[in-house]
């Protein structure tokens, strides 16, 4: 259960102000249909994070344990630094227009899935699945974290986004990533 709760918290924090959350805001403002948007975000996240968690688990079978320890620890520390760099969403109007012919659900699913590739939360999912031996709980936690961050964005739109202390949330998220990275090394070398 620890893996689930940690994965949920980390991804919820990492998603605040992230480009995919900004995309969710943009899609909500454009289509004004929150239910199909949320269902599409959920399904895109389940698939994306499921593959990511499987990749994280697979990496543990092919990379030597000490190399994996250092890669994960340094990866979490790098994620801490990445959290401090604010994301920006470019002009997605053309992308939305391109995929709009597939409806609210189709456009949201494709755009969200593509935006999540190589994103902080996807990389965090790979790292968490490699760190913990629990593919299901990591995927379930990271997916819930995405929904915790994106559901209010979809329902409240820009009204809520401007009131959140995004810089503080990013600093807290960075501290959590840093703590995980350092503690992974400390557990190995001190205990």
Protein backbone atom coordinates (compact mmCIF):
# COMPACT_ATOMS: atom_id res chain seq x y z
CA UNK A 1 0.00 0.00 0.00
CA UNK A 2 3.00 2.27 0.61
CA UNK A 3 3.84 2.13 -3.11
CA UNK A 4 0.29 3.15 -4.01
CA UNK A 5 0.16 6.11 -1.63
CA UNK A 6 3.64 7.35 -2.51
CA UNK A 7 2.98 7.01 -6.25
CA UNK A 8 -0.32 8.88 -5.89
CA UNK A 9 1.24 11.73 -3.93
CA UNK A 10 4.30 12.11 -6.12
CA UNK A 11 2.37 12.21 -9.37
CA UNK A 12 -0.36 14.48 -8.01
CA UNK A 13 2.34 16.96 -6.96
CA UNK A 14 4.33 16.53 -10.18
CA UNK A 15 1.22 17.09 -12.31
CA UNK A 16 0.37 20.47 -10.76
CA UNK A 17 1.19 23.07 -13.39
CA UNK A 18 2.48 20.36 -15.74
CA UNK A 19 1.89 20.60 -19.48
CA UNK A 20 -0.70 17.82 -19.40
CA UNK A 21 -2.64 19.64 -16.68
CA UNK A 22 -2.47 22.79 -18.79
CA UNK A 23 -3.70 20.73 -21.75
CA UNK A 24 -6.61 19.46 -19.61
CA UNK A 25 -7.51 23.09 -18.83
CA UNK A 26 -7.36 24.00 -22.50
CA UNK A 27 -9.48 21.03 -23.56
CA UNK A 28 -12.05 21.80 -20.85
CA UNK A 29 -12.27 25.42 -21.98
CA UNK A 30 -12.56 24.40 -25.63
CA UNK A 31 -15.07 21.56 -25.41
CA UNK A 32 -16.92 22.31 -22.14
CA UNK A 33 -17.75 18.60 -21.70
CA UNK A 34 -15.94 17.44 -18.55
CA UNK A 35 -17.14 13.82 -18.39
CA UNK A 36 -15.78 12.61 -21.76
CA UNK A 37 -12.61 14.63 -21.17
CA UNK A 38 -12.04 12.95 -17.79
CA UNK A 39 -12.80 9.48 -19.14
CA UNK A 40 -10.35 10.04 -22.01
CA UNK A 41 -7.68 11.33 -19.62
CA UNK A 42 -8.23 8.31 -17.37
CA UNK A 43 -7.93 5.78 -20.20
CA UNK A 44 -4.93 7.52 -21.79
CA UNK A 45 -3.23 7.59 -18.38
CA UNK A 46 -4.00 3.93 -17.61
CA UNK A 47 -2.47 2.83 -20.91
CA UNK A 48 0.50 5.20 -20.75
CA UNK A 49 1.31 4.51 -17.11
CA UNK A 50 0.64 0.78 -17.49
CA UNK A 51 3.26 0.55 -20.23
CA UNK A 52 5.57 2.81 -18.21
CA UNK A 53 5.23 0.69 -15.07
CA UNK A 54 5.85 -2.48 -17.09
CA UNK A 55 8.97 -0.85 -18.54
CA UNK A 56 10.13 0.06 -15.04
CA UNK A 57 9.65 -3.52 -13.87
CA UNK A 58 11.40 -4.92 -16.95
CA UNK A 59 14.43 -2.65 -16.44
CA UNK A 60 15.00 -4.31 -13.07
CA UNK A 61 15.51 -7.64 -14.83
CA UNK A 62 18.19 -6.45 -17.27
CA UNK A 63 20.15 -3.81 -15.36
CA UNK A 64 22.49 -4.85 -12.53
CA UNK A 65 21.18 -3.88 -9.09
CA UNK A 66 23.95 -1.40 -8.21
CA UNK A 67 23.66 0.35 -11.60
CA UNK A 68 19.89 0.48 -11.20
CA UNK A 69 20.26 1.93 -7.71
CA UNK A 70 22.44 4.77 -8.99
CA UNK A 71 20.31 5.41 -12.07
CA UNK A 72 17.13 5.55 -9.96
CA UNK A 73 18.67 7.68 -7.21
CA UNK A 74 20.14 10.15 -9.69
CA UNK A 75 16.91 10.03 -11.71
CA UNK A 76 14.83 11.01 -8.69
CA UNK A 77 17.30 13.79 -7.87
CA UNK A 78 17.12 15.00 -11.49
CA UNK A 79 13.31 14.91 -11.27
CA UNK A 80 13.59 17.17 -8.21
CA UNK A 81 15.46 19.72 -10.31
CA UNK A 82 13.03 19.29 -13.23
CA UNK A 83 10.11 20.01 -10.89
CA UNK A 84 11.51 23.49 -10.32
CA UNK A 85 11.30 24.35 -14.03
CA UNK A 86 7.77 25.48 -14.89
CA UNK A 87 6.09 23.86 -17.88
CA UNK A 88 4.54 25.85 -20.65
CA UNK A 89 1.99 24.71 -23.15
CA UNK A 90 2.58 25.96 -26.65
CA UNK A 91 -0.24 26.97 -28.91
CA UNK A 92 -2.17 23.71 -29.02
CA UNK A 93 -5.00 25.16 -31.08
CA UNK A 94 -3.74 23.51 -34.27
CA UNK A 95 -3.39 20.14 -32.53
CA UNK A 96 -6.86 20.37 -31.05
CA UNK A 97 -8.30 21.40 -34.40
CA UNK A 98 -6.53 18.47 -36.08
CA UNK A 99 -7.95 15.89 -33.68
CA UNK A 100 -11.32 17.57 -33.07
CA UNK A 101 -12.88 15.55 -35.92
CA UNK A 102 -12.66 12.50 -33.60
CA UNK A 103 -14.89 14.20 -31.04
CA UNK A 104 -14.23 15.35 -27.51
CA UNK A 105 -13.22 11.90 -26.28
CA UNK A 106 -11.00 11.03 -29.26
CA UNK A 107 -9.23 14.38 -29.36
CA UNK A 108 -8.62 14.36 -25.60
CA UNK A 109 -7.42 10.75 -25.56
CA UNK A 110 -4.90 11.22 -28.38
CA UNK A 111 -3.64 14.64 -27.28
CA UNK A 112 -3.31 13.62 -23.63
CA UNK A 113 -1.61 10.33 -24.46
CA UNK A 114 0.91 12.04 -26.75
CA UNK A 115 1.55 14.89 -24.30
CA UNK A 116 2.27 12.38 -21.54
CA UNK A 117 5.05 10.65 -23.51
CA UNK A 118 8.37 11.68 -21.98
CA UNK A 119 6.59 13.81 -19.38
CA UNK A 120 7.67 14.06 -15.72
CA UNK A 121 4.83 11.86 -14.57
CA UNK A 122 5.57 9.14 -17.12
CA UNK A 123 9.25 9.09 -16.17
CA UNK A 124 8.28 9.08 -12.49
CA UNK A 125 6.05 6.05 -13.16
CA UNK A 126 8.94 4.15 -14.78
CA UNK A 127 11.24 5.04 -11.88
CA UNK A 128 8.68 4.17 -9.19
CA UNK A 129 7.92 0.81 -10.81
CA UNK A 130 11.65 0.07 -10.97
CA UNK A 131 12.11 1.14 -7.34
CA UNK A 132 9.18 -0.87 -5.97
CA UNK A 133 8.25 -4.42 -6.87
CA UNK A 134 4.60 -3.62 -7.47
CA UNK A 135 3.56 -2.85 -11.02
CA UNK A 136 -0.16 -2.70 -10.24
CA UNK A 137 0.02 -0.45 -7.18
CA UNK A 138 2.46 1.96 -8.81
CA UNK A 139 0.31 2.22 -11.94
CA UNK A 140 -2.88 2.59 -9.88
CA UNK A 141 -1.24 5.25 -7.70
CA UNK A 142 0.22 7.27 -10.55
CA UNK A 143 -3.10 7.10 -12.41
CA UNK A 144 -4.99 8.30 -9.33
CA UNK A 145 -2.42 11.08 -8.88
CA UNK A 146 -3.06 12.23 -12.45
CA UNK A 147 -6.80 12.26 -11.87
CA UNK A 148 -6.46 14.12 -8.55
CA UNK A 149 -4.57 16.87 -10.37
CA UNK A 150 -6.58 16.92 -13.60
CA UNK A 151 -10.19 16.45 -12.47
CA UNK A 152 -10.35 19.80 -10.67
CA UNK A 153 -8.64 21.43 -13.66
CA UNK A 154 -11.29 20.03 -16.00
CA UNK A 155 -14.23 20.98 -13.77
CA UNK A 156 -13.02 24.33 -12.49
CA UNK A 157 -11.04 25.41 -15.52
CA UNK A 158 -8.96 28.54 -15.36
CA UNK A 159 -10.79 29.84 -12.27
CA UNK A 160 -9.03 27.32 -10.02
CA UNK A 161 -5.70 27.17 -11.83
CA UNK A 162 -4.79 30.76 -11.05
CA UNK A 163 -5.49 30.32 -7.33
CA UNK A 164 -3.22 27.33 -6.71
CA UNK A 165 0.26 28.04 -5.30
CA UNK A 166 1.96 26.19 -8.17
CA UNK A 167 5.49 27.33 -7.25
CA UNK A 168 5.05 26.02 -3.69
CA UNK A 169 3.53 22.76 -4.95
CA UNK A 170 6.51 22.30 -7.28
CA UNK A 171 8.94 22.93 -4.42
CA UNK A 172 7.19 20.34 -2.26
CA UNK A 173 7.24 17.86 -5.16
CA UNK A 174 10.93 18.58 -5.75
CA UNK A 175 11.66 17.97 -2.08
CA UNK A 176 9.84 14.61 -2.21
CA UNK A 177 11.76 13.51 -5.32
CA UNK A 178 15.05 14.62 -3.73
CA UNK A 179 14.22 12.77 -0.52
CA UNK A 180 13.45 9.55 -2.41
CA UNK A 181 16.68 9.79 -4.42
CA UNK A 182 18.87 10.47 -1.42
CA UNK A 183 17.12 7.89 0.76
CA UNK A 184 17.63 5.20 -1.90
CA UNK A 185 21.38 5.78 -1.74
CA UNK A 186 21.37 6.11 2.05
CA UNK A 187 19.46 2.84 2.52
CA UNK A 188 21.96 1.01 0.35
CA UNK A 189 25.13 2.45 1.80
CA UNK A 190 24.17 3.08 5.43
CA UNK A 191 21.99 0.08 6.25
